[in-house]
PDB file of N, CA and C in Angstrom:
ATOM      1  N   MET A   1       1.009  -1.120   0.151  1.00  0.00           N
ATOM      2  CA  MET A   1       0.005  -0.010   0.013  1.00  0.00           C
ATOM      3  C   MET A   1       0.875   1.262   0.030  1.00  0.00           C
ATOM      4  N   SER A   2       0.672   2.045  -0.927  1.00  0.00           N
ATOM      5  CA  SER A   2       1.633   3.330  -1.000  1.00  0.00           C
ATOM      6  C   SER A   2       1.146   4.295   0.123  1.00  0.00           C
ATOM      7  N   ASN A   3       1.955   5.172   0.345  1.00  0.00           N
ATOM      8  CA  ASN A   3       1.789   6.368   1.501  1.00  0.00           C
ATOM      9  C   ASN A   3       0.496   7.199   1.219  1.00  0.00           C
ATOM     10  N   SER A   4       0.407   7.391  -0.007  1.00  0.00           N
ATOM     11  CA  SER A   4      -0.843   8.351  -0.359  1.00  0.00           C
ATOM     12  C   SER A   4      -2.191   7.467  -0.261  1.00  0.00           C
ATOM     13  N   THR A   5      -2.097   6.368  -0.515  1.00  0.00           N
ATOM     14  CA  THR A   5      -3.376   5.524  -0.310  1.00  0.00           C
ATOM     15  C   THR A   5      -3.543   5.255   1.162  1.00  0.00           C
ATOM     16  N   SER A   6      -2.583   5.078   1.867  1.00  0.00           N
ATOM     17  CA  SER A   6      -2.760   5.123   3.508  1.00  0.00           C
ATOM     18  C   SER A   6      -3.144   6.273   4.143  1.00  0.00           C
ATOM     19  N   ILE A   7      -3.094   7.484   3.671  1.00  0.00           N
ATOM     20  CA  ILE A   7      -3.438   8.792   4.247  1.00  0.00           C
ATOM     21  C   ILE A   7      -4.693   9.267   3.468  1.00  0.00           C
ATOM     22  N   SER A   8      -4.854   8.747   2.195  1.00  0.00           N
ATOM     23  CA  SER A   8      -6.036   9.401   1.640  1.00  0.00           C
ATOM     24  C   SER A   8      -7.364   8.713   2.294  1.00  0.00           C
ATOM     25  N   GLN A   9      -7.524   7.459   2.503  1.00  0.00           N
ATOM     26  CA  GLN A   9      -8.754   6.787   2.834  1.00  0.00           C
ATOM     27  C   GLN A   9      -9.326   7.459   4.048  1.00  0.00           C
ATOM     28  N   PRO A  10      -8.470   7.628   5.365  1.00  0.00           N
ATOM     29  CA  PRO A  10      -9.005   8.123   6.452  1.00  0.00           C
ATOM     30  C   PRO A  10      -9.334   9.683   6.425  1.00  0.00           C
ATOM     31  N   VAL A  11      -8.451  10.335   5.614  1.00  0.00           N
ATOM     32  CA  VAL A  11      -8.648  11.821   5.343  1.00  0.00           C
ATOM     33  C   VAL A  11     -10.144  11.934   4.694  1.00  0.00           C
ATOM     34  N   PHE A  12     -10.240  11.159   3.543  1.00  0.00           N
ATOM     35  CA  PHE A  12     -11.547  11.423   2.836  1.00  0.00           C
ATOM     36  C   PHE A  12     -12.843  10.860   3.685  1.00  0.00           C
ATOM     37  N   ARG A  13     -12.478   9.978   4.596  1.00  0.00           N
ATOM     38  CA  ARG A  13     -13.590   9.229   5.277  1.00  0.00           C
ATOM     39  C   ARG A  13     -13.983  10.444   6.220  1.00  0.00           C
ATOM     40  N   ILE A  14     -13.128  11.263   6.914  1.00  0.00           N
ATOM     41  CA  ILE A  14     -13.291  12.326   7.741  1.00  0.00           C
ATOM     42  C   ILE A  14     -14.436  13.240   7.097  1.00  0.00           C
ATOM     43  N   VAL A  15     -13.880  13.500   5.749  1.00  0.00           N
ATOM     44  CA  VAL A  15     -14.712  14.511   5.034  1.00  0.00           C
ATOM     45  C   VAL A  15     -16.300  14.034   4.785  1.00  0.00           C
ATOM     46  N   ALA A  16     -16.234  12.754   4.499  1.00  0.00           N
ATOM     47  CA  ALA A  16     -17.383  12.318   4.371  1.00  0.00           C
ATOM     48  C   ALA A  16     -18.304  12.061   5.454  1.00  0.00           C
ATOM     49  N   LEU A  17     -17.700  11.978   6.846  1.00  0.00           N
ATOM     50  CA  LEU A  17     -18.392  12.107   7.818  1.00  0.00           C
ATOM     51  C   LEU A  17     -19.040  13.308   8.256  1.00  0.00           C
ATOM     52  N   GLN A  18     -18.090  14.258   8.067  1.00  0.00           N
ATOM     53  CA  GLN A  18     -18.315  15.853   8.303  1.00  0.00           C
ATOM     54  C   GLN A  18     -19.529  16.117   7.406  1.00  0.00           C
ATOM     55  N   PHE A  19     -19.648  15.660   6.026  1.00  0.00           N
ATOM     56  CA  PHE A  19     -20.723  15.920   5.152  1.00  0.00           C
ATOM     57  C   PHE A  19     -21.877  15.285   5.766  1.00  0.00           C
ATOM     58  N   ALA A  20     -21.998  14.093   6.378  1.00  0.00           N
ATOM     59  CA  ALA A  20     -23.024  13.578   6.715  1.00  0.00           C
ATOM     60  C   ALA A  20     -23.856  14.151   7.909  1.00  0.00           C
ATOM     61  N   ILE A  21     -22.898  14.489   8.935  1.00  0.00           N
ATOM     62  CA  ILE A  21     -23.237  15.189  10.063  1.00  0.00           C
ATOM     63  C   ILE A  21     -23.839  16.683   9.654  1.00  0.00           C
ATOM     64  N   ALA A  22     -23.184  17.287   8.755  1.00  0.00           N
ATOM     65  CA  ALA A  22     -23.603  18.642   8.312  1.00  0.00           C
ATOM     66  C   ALA A  22     -24.926  18.407   7.396  1.00  0.00           C
ATOM     67  N   THR A  23     -25.236  17.431   6.887  1.00  0.00           N
ATOM     68  CA  THR A  23     -26.570  17.200   6.246  1.00  0.00           C
ATOM     69  C   THR A  23     -27.515  16.907   7.184  1.00  0.00           C
ATOM     70  N   GLY A  24     -27.370  16.220   8.083  1.00  0.00           N
ATOM     71  CA  GLY A  24     -28.040  15.803   9.189  1.00  0.00           C
ATOM     72  C   GLY A  24     -28.516  16.870  10.095  1.00  0.00           C
ATOM     73  N   PHE A  25     -27.319  17.785  10.356  1.00  0.00           N
ATOM     74  CA  PHE A  25     -27.884  18.979  11.054  1.00  0.00           C
ATOM     75  C   PHE A  25     -28.956  19.786  10.262  1.00  0.00           C
ATOM     76  N   ALA A  26     -28.857  20.012   8.898  1.00  0.00           N
ATOM     77  CA  ALA A  26     -29.439  20.634   8.159  1.00  0.00           C
ATOM     78  C   ALA A  26     -30.913  20.203   8.089  1.00  0.00           C
ATOM     79  N   LEU A  27     -31.066  18.981   8.001  1.00  0.00           N
ATOM     80  CA  LEU A  27     -32.280  18.244   7.982  1.00  0.00           C
ATOM     81  C   LEU A  27     -33.033  18.533   9.073  1.00  0.00           C
ATOM     82  N   LEU A  28     -32.381  18.274  10.344  1.00  0.00           N
ATOM     83  CA  LEU A  28     -32.892  18.637  11.748  1.00  0.00           C
ATOM     84  C   LEU A  28     -33.418  19.987  11.791  1.00  0.00           C
ATOM     85  N   THR A  29     -32.665  21.046  11.446  1.00  0.00           N
ATOM     86  CA  THR A  29     -33.019  22.366  11.262  1.00  0.00           C
ATOM     87  C   THR A  29     -34.142  22.724  10.325  1.00  0.00           C
ATOM     88  N   TRP A  30     -34.286  22.041   9.332  1.00  0.00           N
ATOM     89  CA  TRP A  30     -35.353  22.160   8.471  1.00  0.00           C
ATOM     90  C   TRP A  30     -36.727  21.613   9.259  1.00  0.00           C
ATOM     91  N   ASN A  31     -36.560  20.358   9.824  1.00  0.00           N
ATOM     92  CA  ASN A  31     -37.645  19.942  10.854  1.00  0.00           C
ATOM     93  C   ASN A  31     -38.087  20.983  11.954  1.00  0.00           C
ATOM     94  N   LEU A  32     -37.086  21.580  12.635  1.00  0.00           N
ATOM     95  CA  LEU A  32     -37.574  22.285  13.567  1.00  0.00           C
ATOM     96  C   LEU A  32     -37.708  23.921  13.358  1.00  0.00           C
ATOM     97  N   GLY A  33     -36.931  24.383  12.285  1.00  0.00           N
ATOM     98  CA  GLY A  33     -37.209  25.740  12.169  1.00  0.00           C
ATOM     99  C   GLY A  33     -37.490  26.160  10.782  1.00  0.00           C
ATOM    100  N   GLY A  34     -37.763  25.191   9.694  1.00  0.00           N
ATOM    101  CA  GLY A  34     -38.207  25.578   8.508  1.00  0.00           C
ATOM    102  C   GLY A  34     -37.048  25.616   7.316  1.00  0.00           C
ATOM    103  N   VAL A  35     -37.691  26.038   6.150  1.00  0.00           N
ATOM    104  CA  VAL A  35     -36.664  25.962   5.009  1.00  0.00           C
ATOM    105  C   VAL A  35     -35.452  27.033   4.937  1.00  0.00           C
ATOM    106  N   LEU A  36     -35.678  28.186   5.461  1.00  0.00           N
ATOM    107  CA  LEU A  36     -34.739  29.300   5.217  1.00  0.00           C
ATOM    108  C   LEU A  36     -33.743  28.872   6.394  1.00  0.00           C
ATOM    109  N   LYS A  37     -34.050  28.605   7.486  1.00  0.00           N
ATOM    110  CA  LYS A  37     -33.062  28.292   8.557  1.00  0.00           C
ATOM    111  C   LYS A  37     -32.249  26.901   8.158  1.00  0.00           C
ATOM    112  N   ALA A  38     -32.787  25.971   7.539  1.00  0.00           N
ATOM    113  CA  ALA A  38     -32.308  24.714   6.913  1.00  0.00           C
ATOM    114  C   ALA A  38     -31.274  25.188   5.876  1.00  0.00           C
ATOM    115  N   TRP A  39     -31.393  26.006   5.068  1.00  0.00           N
ATOM    116  CA  TRP A  39     -30.790  26.270   3.862  1.00  0.00           C
ATOM    117  C   TRP A  39     -29.593  26.994   4.445  1.00  0.00           C
ATOM    118  N   SER A  40     -29.744  27.856   5.553  1.00  0.00           N
ATOM    119  CA  SER A  40     -28.674  28.559   6.149  1.00  0.00           C
ATOM    120  C   SER A  40     -27.845  27.673   6.743  1.00  0.00           C
ATOM    121  N   ALA A  41     -28.267  26.855   7.471  1.00  0.00           N
ATOM    122  CA  ALA A  41     -27.428  25.744   8.174  1.00  0.00           C
ATOM    123  C   ALA A  41     -26.526  24.811   7.031  1.00  0.00           C
ATOM    124  N   ALA A  42     -27.352  24.644   6.131  1.00  0.00           N
ATOM    125  CA  ALA A  42     -26.607  23.718   4.984  1.00  0.00           C
ATOM    126  C   ALA A  42     -25.678  24.416   4.325  1.00  0.00           C
ATOM    127  N   TYR A  43     -25.962  25.822   4.079  1.00  0.00           N
ATOM    128  CA  TYR A  43     -24.750  26.574   3.487  1.00  0.00           C
ATOM    129  C   TYR A  43     -23.504  26.708   4.410  1.00  0.00           C
ATOM    130  N   GLY A  44     -23.793  26.847   5.640  1.00  0.00           N
ATOM    131  CA  GLY A  44     -22.668  26.874   6.716  1.00  0.00           C
ATOM    132  C   GLY A  44     -21.998  25.446   7.015  1.00  0.00           C
ATOM    133  N   GLY A  45     -22.492  24.429   6.750  1.00  0.00           N
ATOM    134  CA  GLY A  45     -22.065  23.077   6.910  1.00  0.00           C
ATOM    135  C   GLY A  45     -21.084  22.943   5.547  1.00  0.00           C
ATOM    136  N   ALA A  46     -21.786  23.391   4.395  1.00  0.00           N
ATOM    137  CA  ALA A  46     -21.018  23.122   3.102  1.00  0.00           C
ATOM    138  C   ALA A  46     -19.646  23.984   2.885  1.00  0.00           C
ATOM    139  N   ILE A  47     -19.776  25.255   3.677  1.00  0.00           N
ATOM    140  CA  ILE A  47     -18.624  26.019   3.833  1.00  0.00           C
ATOM    141  C   ILE A  47     -17.354  25.213   4.437  1.00  0.00           C
ATOM    142  N   ALA A  48     -17.687  24.404   5.637  1.00  0.00           N
ATOM    143  CA  ALA A  48     -16.773  23.790   6.336  1.00  0.00           C
ATOM    144  C   ALA A  48     -16.354  22.555   5.529  1.00  0.00           C
ATOM    145  N   VAL A  49     -17.465  21.820   4.958  1.00  0.00           N
ATOM    146  CA  VAL A  49     -16.995  20.640   4.298  1.00  0.00           C
ATOM    147  C   VAL A  49     -16.160  20.972   3.041  1.00  0.00           C
ATOM    148  N   ILE A  50     -16.563  22.036   2.096  1.00  0.00           N
ATOM    149  CA  ILE A  50     -15.621  22.303   0.948  1.00  0.00           C
ATOM    150  C   ILE A  50     -14.154  22.620   1.494  1.00  0.00           C
ATOM    151  N   GLY A  51     -14.094  23.500   2.644  1.00  0.00           N
ATOM    152  CA  GLY A  51     -12.737  23.785   2.970  1.00  0.00           C
ATOM    153  C   GLY A  51     -11.887  22.321   3.360  1.00  0.00           C
ATOM    154  N   SER A  52     -12.698  21.561   4.091  1.00  0.00           N
ATOM    155  CA  SER A  52     -11.991  20.265   4.397  1.00  0.00           C
ATOM    156  C   SER A  52     -11.694  19.504   3.190  1.00  0.00           C
ATOM    157  N   LEU A  53     -12.531  19.427   2.337  1.00  0.00           N
ATOM    158  CA  LEU A  53     -12.351  18.670   1.142  1.00  0.00           C
ATOM    159  C   LEU A  53     -10.999  19.377   0.358  1.00  0.00           C
ATOM    160  N   MET A  54     -10.822  20.604   0.314  1.00  0.00           N
ATOM    161  CA  MET A  54      -9.748  21.195  -0.405  1.00  0.00           C
ATOM    162  C   MET A  54      -8.302  20.645   0.482  1.00  0.00           C
ATOM    163  N   TYR A  55      -8.561  20.827   1.649  1.00  0.00           N
ATOM    164  CA  TYR A  55      -7.471  20.224   2.526  1.00  0.00           C
ATOM    165  C   TYR A  55      -7.066  18.866   2.246  1.00  0.00           C
ATOM    166  N   ALA A  56      -7.948  18.063   2.214  1.00  0.00           N
ATOM    167  CA  ALA A  56      -7.852  16.524   2.070  1.00  0.00           C
ATOM    168  C   ALA A  56      -7.050  16.429   0.602  1.00  0.00           C
ATOM    169  N   MET A  57      -7.652  17.072  -0.376  1.00  0.00           N
ATOM    170  CA  MET A  57      -7.143  16.938  -1.720  1.00  0.00           C
ATOM    171  C   MET A  57      -5.770  17.192  -1.741  1.00  0.00           C
ATOM    172  N   ILE A  58      -5.329  18.142  -1.093  1.00  0.00           N
ATOM    173  CA  ILE A  58      -3.849  18.649  -1.009  1.00  0.00           C
ATOM    174  C   ILE A  58      -2.956  17.600  -0.260  1.00  0.00           C
ATOM    175  N   VAL A  59      -3.482  17.154   0.946  1.00  0.00           N
ATOM    176  CA  VAL A  59      -2.625  16.216   1.742  1.00  0.00           C
ATOM    177  C   VAL A  59      -2.776  15.017   1.451  1.00  0.00           C
ATOM    178  N   ALA A  60      -3.732  14.439   0.515  1.00  0.00           N
ATOM    179  CA  ALA A  60      -4.010  13.167   0.268  1.00  0.00           C
ATOM    180  C   ALA A  60      -2.747  12.384  -0.551  1.00  0.00           C
ATOM    181  N   ARG A  61      -1.861  13.211  -1.186  1.00  0.00           N
ATOM    182  CA  ARG A  61      -0.884  12.759  -2.159  1.00  0.00           C
ATOM    183  C   ARG A  61       0.052  11.920  -1.267  1.00  0.00           C
ATOM    184  N   GLY A  62       0.372  12.628  -0.199  1.00  0.00           N
ATOM    185  CA  GLY A  62       1.248  11.970   0.817  1.00  0.00           C
ATOM    186  C   GLY A  62       2.592  12.036   0.291  1.00  0.00           C
ATOM    187  N   THR A  63       3.553  11.915   1.411  1.00  0.00           N
ATOM    188  CA  THR A  63       5.177  11.877   1.001  1.00  0.00           C
ATOM    189  C   THR A  63       5.718  11.367   2.305  1.00  0.00           C
ATOM    190  N   ASN A  64       7.037  10.806   1.917  1.00  0.00           N
ATOM    191  CA  ASN A  64       7.558  10.369   3.238  1.00  0.00           C
ATOM    192  C   ASN A  64       8.531  11.410   3.692  1.00  0.00           C
ATOM    193  N   ASP A  65       8.832  12.405   2.831  1.00  0.00           N
ATOM    194  CA  ASP A  65       9.749  13.726   3.274  1.00  0.00           C
ATOM    195  C   ASP A  65       9.098  14.446   3.992  1.00  0.00           C
ATOM    196  N   ALA A  66       9.489  14.662   5.324  1.00  0.00           N
ATOM    197  CA  ALA A  66       9.015  15.578   6.485  1.00  0.00           C
ATOM    198  C   ALA A  66       8.692  16.963   5.995  1.00  0.00           C
ATOM    199  N   LYS A  67       9.872  17.620   5.387  1.00  0.00           N
ATOM    200  CA  LYS A  67       9.921  18.973   4.835  1.00  0.00           C
ATOM    201  C   LYS A  67       8.602  19.007   3.763  1.00  0.00           C
ATOM    202  N   GLN A  68       8.512  18.055   2.977  1.00  0.00           N
ATOM    203  CA  GLN A  68       7.295  18.292   1.990  1.00  0.00           C
ATOM    204  C   GLN A  68       6.104  18.089   2.652  1.00  0.00           C
ATOM    205  N   ALA A  69       6.001  17.279   3.436  1.00  0.00           N
ATOM    206  CA  ALA A  69       4.687  16.924   4.215  1.00  0.00           C
ATOM    207  C   ALA A  69       4.126  18.120   5.052  1.00  0.00           C
ATOM    208  N   PHE A  70       5.220  18.905   5.607  1.00  0.00           N
ATOM    209  CA  PHE A  70       4.779  19.994   6.465  1.00  0.00           C
ATOM    210  C   PHE A  70       4.400  21.020   5.291  1.00  0.00           C
ATOM    211  N   ARG A  71       5.048  21.386   4.259  1.00  0.00           N
ATOM    212  CA  ARG A  71       4.668  22.405   3.250  1.00  0.00           C
ATOM    213  C   ARG A  71       3.278  22.007   2.862  1.00  0.00           C
ATOM    214  N   ALA A  72       3.068  20.805   2.531  1.00  0.00           N
ATOM    215  CA  ALA A  72       1.659  20.470   2.057  1.00  0.00           C
ATOM    216  C   ALA A  72       0.804  20.674   3.004  1.00  0.00           C
ATOM    217  N   HIS A  73       0.900  20.458   4.268  1.00  0.00           N
ATOM    218  CA  HIS A  73      -0.269  20.934   5.448  1.00  0.00           C
ATOM    219  C   HIS A  73      -0.284  22.300   5.553  1.00  0.00           C
ATOM    220  N   VAL A  74       0.974  23.153   5.383  1.00  0.00           N
ATOM    221  CA  VAL A  74       0.783  24.395   5.519  1.00  0.00           C
ATOM    222  C   VAL A  74      -0.114  24.838   4.368  1.00  0.00           C
ATOM    223  N   ARG A  75       0.209  24.440   3.114  1.00  0.00           N
ATOM    224  CA  ARG A  75      -0.618  25.011   1.859  1.00  0.00           C
ATOM    225  C   ARG A  75      -1.847  24.663   1.827  1.00  0.00           C
ATOM    226  N   ALA A  76      -2.138  23.540   2.515  1.00  0.00           N
ATOM    227  CA  ALA A  76      -3.583  22.932   2.522  1.00  0.00           C
ATOM    228  C   ALA A  76      -4.447  23.891   3.548  1.00  0.00           C
ATOM    229  N   GLU A  77      -3.838  24.125   4.569  1.00  0.00           N
ATOM    230  CA  GLU A  77      -4.474  24.938   5.745  1.00  0.00           C
ATOM    231  C   GLU A  77      -4.599  26.344   5.341  1.00  0.00           C
ATOM    232  N   VAL A  78      -3.607  27.087   4.470  1.00  0.00           N
ATOM    233  CA  VAL A  78      -4.049  28.274   3.902  1.00  0.00           C
ATOM    234  C   VAL A  78      -5.097  28.232   2.844  1.00  0.00           C
ATOM    235  N   THR A  79      -5.176  27.264   2.016  1.00  0.00           N
ATOM    236  CA  THR A  79      -6.018  27.141   1.146  1.00  0.00           C
ATOM    237  C   THR A  79      -7.425  26.912   1.612  1.00  0.00           C
ATOM    238  N   LYS A  80      -7.684  26.054   2.868  1.00  0.00           N
ATOM    239  CA  LYS A  80      -8.834  26.100   3.625  1.00  0.00           C
ATOM    240  C   LYS A  80      -9.201  27.270   4.040  1.00  0.00           C
ATOM    241  N   ILE A  81      -8.317  28.029   4.692  1.00  0.00           N
ATOM    242  CA  ILE A  81      -8.706  29.317   5.233  1.00  0.00           C
ATOM    243  C   ILE A  81      -9.187  30.250   4.134  1.00  0.00           C
ATOM    244  N   PHE A  82      -8.534  30.198   3.127  1.00  0.00           N
ATOM    245  CA  PHE A  82      -8.783  31.199   1.929  1.00  0.00           C
ATOM    246  C   PHE A  82     -10.297  30.760   1.269  1.00  0.00           C
ATOM    247  N   ILE A  83     -10.495  29.408   1.144  1.00  0.00           N
ATOM    248  CA  ILE A  83     -11.799  29.206   0.665  1.00  0.00           C
ATOM    249  C   ILE A  83     -12.893  29.519   1.513  1.00  0.00           C
ATOM    250  N   THR A  84     -12.632  29.291   2.972  1.00  0.00           N
ATOM    251  CA  THR A  84     -13.659  29.444   3.904  1.00  0.00           C
ATOM    252  C   THR A  84     -14.129  31.137   3.890  1.00  0.00           C
ATOM    253  N   VAL A  85     -13.129  31.999   3.676  1.00  0.00           N
ATOM    254  CA  VAL A  85     -13.283  33.421   3.825  1.00  0.00           C
ATOM    255  C   VAL A  85     -14.082  33.496   2.625  1.00  0.00           C
ATOM    256  N   VAL A  86     -13.706  33.154   1.493  1.00  0.00           N
ATOM    257  CA  VAL A  86     -14.426  33.370   0.118  1.00  0.00           C
ATOM    258  C   VAL A  86     -15.661  33.111   0.314  1.00  0.00           C
ATOM    259  N   LEU A  87     -15.917  31.777   0.794  1.00  0.00           N
ATOM    260  CA  LEU A  87     -17.352  31.442   0.803  1.00  0.00           C
ATOM    261  C   LEU A  87     -18.371  32.240   1.749  1.00  0.00           C
ATOM    262  N   PHE A  88     -17.791  32.509   2.830  1.00  0.00           N
ATOM    263  CA  PHE A  88     -18.574  33.500   3.882  1.00  0.00           C
ATOM    264  C   PHE A  88     -18.915  34.839   3.122  1.00  0.00           C
ATOM    265  N   ALA A  89     -18.041  35.293   2.358  1.00  0.00           N
ATOM    266  CA  ALA A  89     -18.041  36.616   1.684  1.00  0.00           C
ATOM    267  C   ALA A  89     -19.208  36.438   0.559  1.00  0.00           C
ATOM    268  N   LEU A  90     -19.019  35.361   0.028  1.00  0.00           N
ATOM    269  CA  LEU A  90     -20.294  34.979  -1.134  1.00  0.00           C
ATOM    270  C   LEU A  90     -21.418  34.845  -0.430  1.00  0.00           C
ATOM    271  N   ALA A  91     -21.658  34.291   0.922  1.00  0.00           N
ATOM    272  CA  ALA A  91     -22.917  34.126   1.543  1.00  0.00           C
ATOM    273  C   ALA A  91     -23.383  35.647   1.696  1.00  0.00           C
ATOM    274  N   LEU A  92     -22.426  36.452   2.352  1.00  0.00           N
ATOM    275  CA  LEU A  92     -22.769  37.860   2.530  1.00  0.00           C
ATOM    276  C   LEU A  92     -23.453  38.476   1.522  1.00  0.00           C
ATOM    277  N   ALA A  93     -22.816  38.425   0.406  1.00  0.00           N
ATOM    278  CA  ALA A  93     -23.243  39.147  -1.042  1.00  0.00           C
ATOM    279  C   ALA A  93     -24.362  38.445  -1.653  1.00  0.00           C
ATOM    280  N   LEU A  94     -24.381  37.045  -1.823  1.00  0.00           N
ATOM    281  CA  LEU A  94     -25.611  36.597  -2.439  1.00  0.00           C
ATOM    282  C   LEU A  94     -26.748  35.878  -1.643  1.00  0.00           C
ATOM    283  N   PHE A  95     -26.544  35.692  -0.434  1.00  0.00           N
ATOM    284  CA  PHE A  95     -27.652  34.986   0.370  1.00  0.00           C
ATOM    285  C   PHE A  95     -27.880  35.825   1.502  1.00  0.00           C
ATOM    286  N   GLN A  96     -28.367  37.158   1.249  1.00  0.00           N
ATOM    287  CA  GLN A  96     -28.732  38.103   2.041  1.00  0.00           C
ATOM    288  C   GLN A  96     -29.728  37.867   2.835  1.00  0.00           C
ATOM    289  N   SER A  97     -30.547  36.805   2.613  1.00  0.00           N
ATOM    290  CA  SER A  97     -31.855  36.422   3.414  1.00  0.00           C
ATOM    291  C   SER A  97     -31.437  35.404   4.296  1.00  0.00           C
ATOM    292  N   ALA A  98     -30.270  34.941   4.326  1.00  0.00           N
ATOM    293  CA  ALA A  98     -29.916  33.887   5.274  1.00  0.00           C
ATOM    294  C   ALA A  98     -30.210  34.040   6.653  1.00  0.00           C
ATOM    295  N   SER A  99     -30.415  33.172   7.574  1.00  0.00           N
ATOM    296  CA  SER A  99     -30.454  33.232   8.832  1.00  0.00           C
ATOM    297  C   SER A  99     -29.058  33.058   9.379  1.00  0.00           C
ATOM    298  N   TRP A 100     -28.356  34.066   9.836  1.00  0.00           N
ATOM    299  CA  TRP A 100     -27.001  34.053  10.042  1.00  0.00           C
ATOM    300  C   TRP A 100     -26.571  33.193  11.173  1.00  0.00           C
ATOM    301  N   LEU A 101     -27.525  33.216  12.282  1.00  0.00           N
ATOM    302  CA  LEU A 101     -27.241  32.342  13.240  1.00  0.00           C
ATOM    303  C   LEU A 101     -27.273  30.684  12.766  1.00  0.00           C
ATOM    304  N   TRP A 102     -28.124  30.462  11.947  1.00  0.00           N
ATOM    305  CA  TRP A 102     -28.078  29.003  11.571  1.00  0.00           C
ATOM    306  C   TRP A 102     -26.991  28.811  10.771  1.00  0.00           C
ATOM    307  N   LEU A 103     -26.530  29.648   9.809  1.00  0.00           N
ATOM    308  CA  LEU A 103     -25.369  29.564   8.947  1.00  0.00           C
ATOM    309  C   LEU A 103     -24.162  29.414   9.732  1.00  0.00           C
ATOM    310  N   ILE A 104     -24.055  30.132  10.869  1.00  0.00           N
ATOM    311  CA  ILE A 104     -22.994  29.952  11.779  1.00  0.00           C
ATOM    312  C   ILE A 104     -23.182  28.668  12.468  1.00  0.00           C
ATOM    313  N   LEU A 105     -24.126  28.291  12.966  1.00  0.00           N
ATOM    314  CA  LEU A 105     -24.283  26.897  13.546  1.00  0.00           C
ATOM    315  C   LEU A 105     -23.854  25.792  12.762  1.00  0.00           C
ATOM    316  N   GLY A 106     -24.436  26.032  11.427  1.00  0.00           N
ATOM    317  CA  GLY A 106     -24.130  24.910  10.509  1.00  0.00           C
ATOM    318  C   GLY A 106     -22.565  24.770  10.304  1.00  0.00           C
ATOM    319  N   PHE A 107     -22.032  25.800  10.112  1.00  0.00           N
ATOM    320  CA  PHE A 107     -20.437  25.742   9.964  1.00  0.00           C
ATOM    321  C   PHE A 107     -19.707  25.115  11.265  1.00  0.00           C
ATOM    322  N   ALA A 108     -20.415  25.638  12.448  1.00  0.00           N
ATOM    323  CA  ALA A 108     -19.874  25.274  13.644  1.00  0.00           C
ATOM    324  C   ALA A 108     -20.116  23.682  14.076  1.00  0.00           C
ATOM    325  N   VAL A 109     -21.141  23.252  13.673  1.00  0.00           N
ATOM    326  CA  VAL A 109     -21.484  21.813  13.823  1.00  0.00           C
ATOM    327  C   VAL A 109     -20.486  21.048  12.948  1.00  0.00           C
ATOM    328  N   ALA A 110     -20.277  21.305  11.629  1.00  0.00           N
ATOM    329  CA  ALA A 110     -19.654  20.690  10.737  1.00  0.00           C
ATOM    330  C   ALA A 110     -18.037  20.654  10.927  1.00  0.00           C
ATOM    331  N   THR A 111     -17.724  21.880  11.649  1.00  0.00           N
ATOM    332  CA  THR A 111     -16.093  22.098  11.906  1.00  0.00           C
ATOM    333  C   THR A 111     -15.869  21.256  13.191  1.00  0.00           C
ATOM    334  N   MET A 112     -16.877  21.283  13.885  1.00  0.00           N
ATOM    335  CA  MET A 112     -16.933  20.306  15.262  1.00  0.00           C
ATOM    336  C   MET A 112     -16.807  18.704  14.903  1.00  0.00           C
ATOM    337  N   ALA A 113     -17.512  18.410  13.950  1.00  0.00           N
ATOM    338  CA  ALA A 113     -17.585  17.093  13.536  1.00  0.00           C
ATOM    339  C   ALA A 113     -16.259  16.717  12.986  1.00  0.00           C
ATOM    340  N   TYR A 114     -15.695  17.589  12.316  1.00  0.00           N
ATOM    341  CA  TYR A 114     -14.213  17.436  11.745  1.00  0.00           C
ATOM    342  C   TYR A 114     -13.301  17.119  12.687  1.00  0.00           C
ATOM    343  N   TRP A 115     -13.308  18.141  13.689  1.00  0.00           N
ATOM    344  CA  TRP A 115     -12.328  17.762  14.914  1.00  0.00           C
ATOM    345  C   TRP A 115     -12.571  16.524  15.530  1.00  0.00           C
ATOM    346  N   LEU A 116     -13.737  16.262  15.981  1.00  0.00           N
ATOM    347  CA  LEU A 116     -14.198  15.045  16.697  1.00  0.00           C
ATOM    348  C   LEU A 116     -13.624  13.780  15.849  1.00  0.00           C
ATOM    349  N   ALA A 117     -13.978  13.937  14.434  1.00  0.00           N
ATOM    350  CA  ALA A 117     -13.457  12.567  13.795  1.00  0.00           C
ATOM    351  C   ALA A 117     -11.926  12.556  13.701  1.00  0.00           C
ATOM    352  N   LEU A 118     -11.256  13.545  13.511  1.00  0.00           N
ATOM    353  CA  LEU A 118      -9.944  13.609  13.802  1.00  0.00           C
ATOM    354  C   LEU A 118      -9.358  12.764  14.992  1.00  0.00           C
ATOM    355  N   LEU A 119     -10.153  13.106  15.950  1.00  0.00           N
ATOM    356  CA  LEU A 119      -9.773  12.476  17.415  1.00  0.00           C
ATOM    357  C   LEU A 119      -9.933  10.896  17.342  1.00  0.00           C
ATOM    358  N   ALA A 120     -10.896  10.531  16.446  1.00  0.00           N
ATOM    359  CA  ALA A 120     -11.168   9.130  16.369  1.00  0.00           C
ATOM    360  C   ALA A 120     -10.411   8.370  15.592  1.00  0.00           C
ATOM    361  N   ILE A 121      -9.446   8.915  14.662  1.00  0.00           N
ATOM    362  CA  ILE A 121      -8.698   8.202  13.797  1.00  0.00           C
ATOM    363  C   ILE A 121      -7.158   8.095  14.331  1.00  0.00           C
TER     364      ILE A 121
END
């Protein structure tokens, strides 16, 4: 098994779990608060999931060289932060009817799911 295969499976599993939890939270929000709050929660969750997916795509290549691995993680984290900022800015500009509390909660739940999943692997 190559190094990239050994790292990519758990990394993408974490993103898939994060997506499932974000989707579940949006569905729960729809049930409790209606469509607008659910879309807001879904968008917030999507921001977190897309950032994590970008991170995963960069680090999944894997390497045995510590310096290259460190650089890949730094590049991945900077990319993730940039994507997150851009998606929040787009939400501000294009989704003005959003319920911001639920958008932030969706982001927070998906981010928490990511960190809890990291602890599990």
